[in-house]
Amino acid sequence: MSEWILAPESSNIIRYSYEETNQILTVEFNSGSRYDYYDVPTHIFEGMKTADSKGKYLNSNVKGHYRYARQ
């Protein structure tokens, strides 16, 4: 797994990371739950890094579009 990126400005997400080789986006939420999203293209991860709202970006561009599993 790559290094965690902290999201202190987010009210819902604590941190996230991306494994480019396997295209896995991992997101840890304030609730303590952690999810892996599979087959996420690099451009989606790059978009999340620059998004003003990480939670809104995740909801619009990741959830419902990619397979996921709770860790």
C-alpha atoms as a PDB file:
ATOM      1  CA  MET A   1       0.000   0.000   0.000  1.00  0.00           C
ATOM      2  CA  SER A   2       1.196   3.481  -0.704  1.00  0.00           C
ATOM      3  CA  GLU A   3       1.425   6.173   1.939  1.00  0.00           C
ATOM      4  CA  TRP A   4      -1.706   7.527   3.566  1.00  0.00           C
ATOM      5  CA  ILE A   5      -2.936  10.967   2.583  1.00  0.00           C
ATOM      6  CA  LEU A   6      -4.601  12.748   5.483  1.00  0.00           C
ATOM      7  CA  ALA A   7      -7.862  14.601   4.888  1.00  0.00           C
ATOM      8  CA  PRO A   8      -8.181  16.961   7.880  1.00  0.00           C
ATOM      9  CA  GLU A   9     -10.558  19.239   5.958  1.00  0.00           C
ATOM     10  CA  SER A  10     -13.050  16.395   5.501  1.00  0.00           C
ATOM     11  CA  SER A  11     -15.882  15.854   7.957  1.00  0.00           C
ATOM     12  CA  ASN A  12     -16.281  12.223   6.864  1.00  0.00           C
ATOM     13  CA  ILE A  13     -12.892  10.914   5.708  1.00  0.00           C
ATOM     14  CA  ILE A  14      -9.807  10.626   7.935  1.00  0.00           C
ATOM     15  CA  ARG A  15      -7.344   9.437   5.302  1.00  0.00           C
ATOM     16  CA  TYR A  16      -6.989   7.543   2.050  1.00  0.00           C
ATOM     17  CA  SER A  17      -4.340   5.826  -0.046  1.00  0.00           C
ATOM     18  CA  TYR A  18      -3.949   4.396  -3.518  1.00  0.00           C
ATOM     19  CA  GLU A  19      -2.078   1.360  -4.746  1.00  0.00           C
ATOM     20  CA  GLU A  20      -1.404   2.116  -8.388  1.00  0.00           C
ATOM     21  CA  THR A  21      -0.229  -1.372  -9.398  1.00  0.00           C
ATOM     22  CA  ASN A  22      -3.528  -3.010  -8.390  1.00  0.00           C
ATOM     23  CA  GLN A  23      -5.651   0.155  -8.708  1.00  0.00           C
ATOM     24  CA  ILE A  24      -6.996  -0.072  -5.162  1.00  0.00           C
ATOM     25  CA  LEU A  25      -8.240   3.066  -3.419  1.00  0.00           C
ATOM     26  CA  THR A  26      -8.464   2.587   0.351  1.00  0.00           C
ATOM     27  CA  VAL A  27     -10.530   5.057   2.373  1.00  0.00           C
ATOM     28  CA  GLU A  28     -10.742   5.287   6.162  1.00  0.00           C
ATOM     29  CA  PHE A  29     -13.780   7.085   7.553  1.00  0.00           C
ATOM     30  CA  ASN A  30     -14.308   8.956  10.823  1.00  0.00           C
ATOM     31  CA  SER A  31     -16.526   6.082  11.952  1.00  0.00           C
ATOM     32  CA  GLY A  32     -13.428   3.865  11.965  1.00  0.00           C
ATOM     33  CA  SER A  33     -14.550   1.786   8.993  1.00  0.00           C
ATOM     34  CA  ARG A  34     -12.156   1.238   6.119  1.00  0.00           C
ATOM     35  CA  TYR A  35     -13.071   0.327   2.557  1.00  0.00           C
ATOM     36  CA  ASP A  36     -11.088  -0.846  -0.445  1.00  0.00           C
ATOM     37  CA  TYR A  37     -12.404   0.216  -3.860  1.00  0.00           C
ATOM     38  CA  TYR A  38     -11.113  -1.932  -6.726  1.00  0.00           C
ATOM     39  CA  ASP A  39     -10.098  -1.139 -10.316  1.00  0.00           C
ATOM     40  CA  VAL A  40     -10.091   2.608  -9.659  1.00  0.00           C
ATOM     41  CA  PRO A  41      -8.166   4.363 -12.456  1.00  0.00           C
ATOM     42  CA  THR A  42      -5.310   6.662 -11.544  1.00  0.00           C
ATOM     43  CA  HIS A  43      -7.152   9.730 -12.885  1.00  0.00           C
ATOM     44  CA  ILE A  44      -9.971   9.146 -10.372  1.00  0.00           C
ATOM     45  CA  PHE A  45      -7.438   9.029  -7.515  1.00  0.00           C
ATOM     46  CA  GLU A  46      -5.757  12.190  -8.832  1.00  0.00           C
ATOM     47  CA  GLY A  47      -9.160  13.874  -8.949  1.00  0.00           C
ATOM     48  CA  MET A  48      -9.802  12.964  -5.327  1.00  0.00           C
ATOM     49  CA  LYS A  49      -6.473  14.472  -4.275  1.00  0.00           C
ATOM     50  CA  THR A  50      -7.423  17.824  -5.804  1.00  0.00           C
ATOM     51  CA  ALA A  51     -11.131  17.809  -4.900  1.00  0.00           C
ATOM     52  CA  ASP A  52     -12.329  20.531  -2.535  1.00  0.00           C
ATOM     53  CA  SER A  53     -14.619  18.007  -0.832  1.00  0.00           C
ATOM     54  CA  LYS A  54     -13.195  14.482  -0.575  1.00  0.00           C
ATOM     55  CA  GLY A  55     -16.529  13.063   0.599  1.00  0.00           C
ATOM     56  CA  LYS A  56     -18.541  14.603  -2.244  1.00  0.00           C
ATOM     57  CA  TYR A  57     -15.955  13.454  -4.766  1.00  0.00           C
ATOM     58  CA  LEU A  58     -16.016   9.917  -3.345  1.00  0.00           C
ATOM     59  CA  ASN A  59     -19.823   9.831  -3.445  1.00  0.00           C
ATOM     60  CA  SER A  60     -20.006  11.147  -7.017  1.00  0.00           C
ATOM     61  CA  ASN A  61     -17.064   9.393  -8.650  1.00  0.00           C
ATOM     62  CA  VAL A  62     -16.259   6.227  -6.707  1.00  0.00           C
ATOM     63  CA  LYS A  63     -19.224   4.852  -4.757  1.00  0.00           C
ATOM     64  CA  GLY A  64     -21.549   2.926  -7.030  1.00  0.00           C
ATOM     65  CA  HIS A  65     -18.962   2.880  -9.821  1.00  0.00           C
ATOM     66  CA  TYR A  66     -16.353   0.455  -8.486  1.00  0.00           C
ATOM     67  CA  ARG A  67     -16.407  -2.835  -6.587  1.00  0.00           C
ATOM     68  CA  TYR A  68     -15.594  -2.485  -2.905  1.00  0.00           C
ATOM     69  CA  ALA A  69     -15.051  -4.466   0.270  1.00  0.00           C
ATOM     70  CA  ARG A  70     -15.041  -3.413   3.884  1.00  0.00           C
ATOM     71  CA  GLN A  71     -11.779  -4.280   5.628  1.00  0.00           C
END
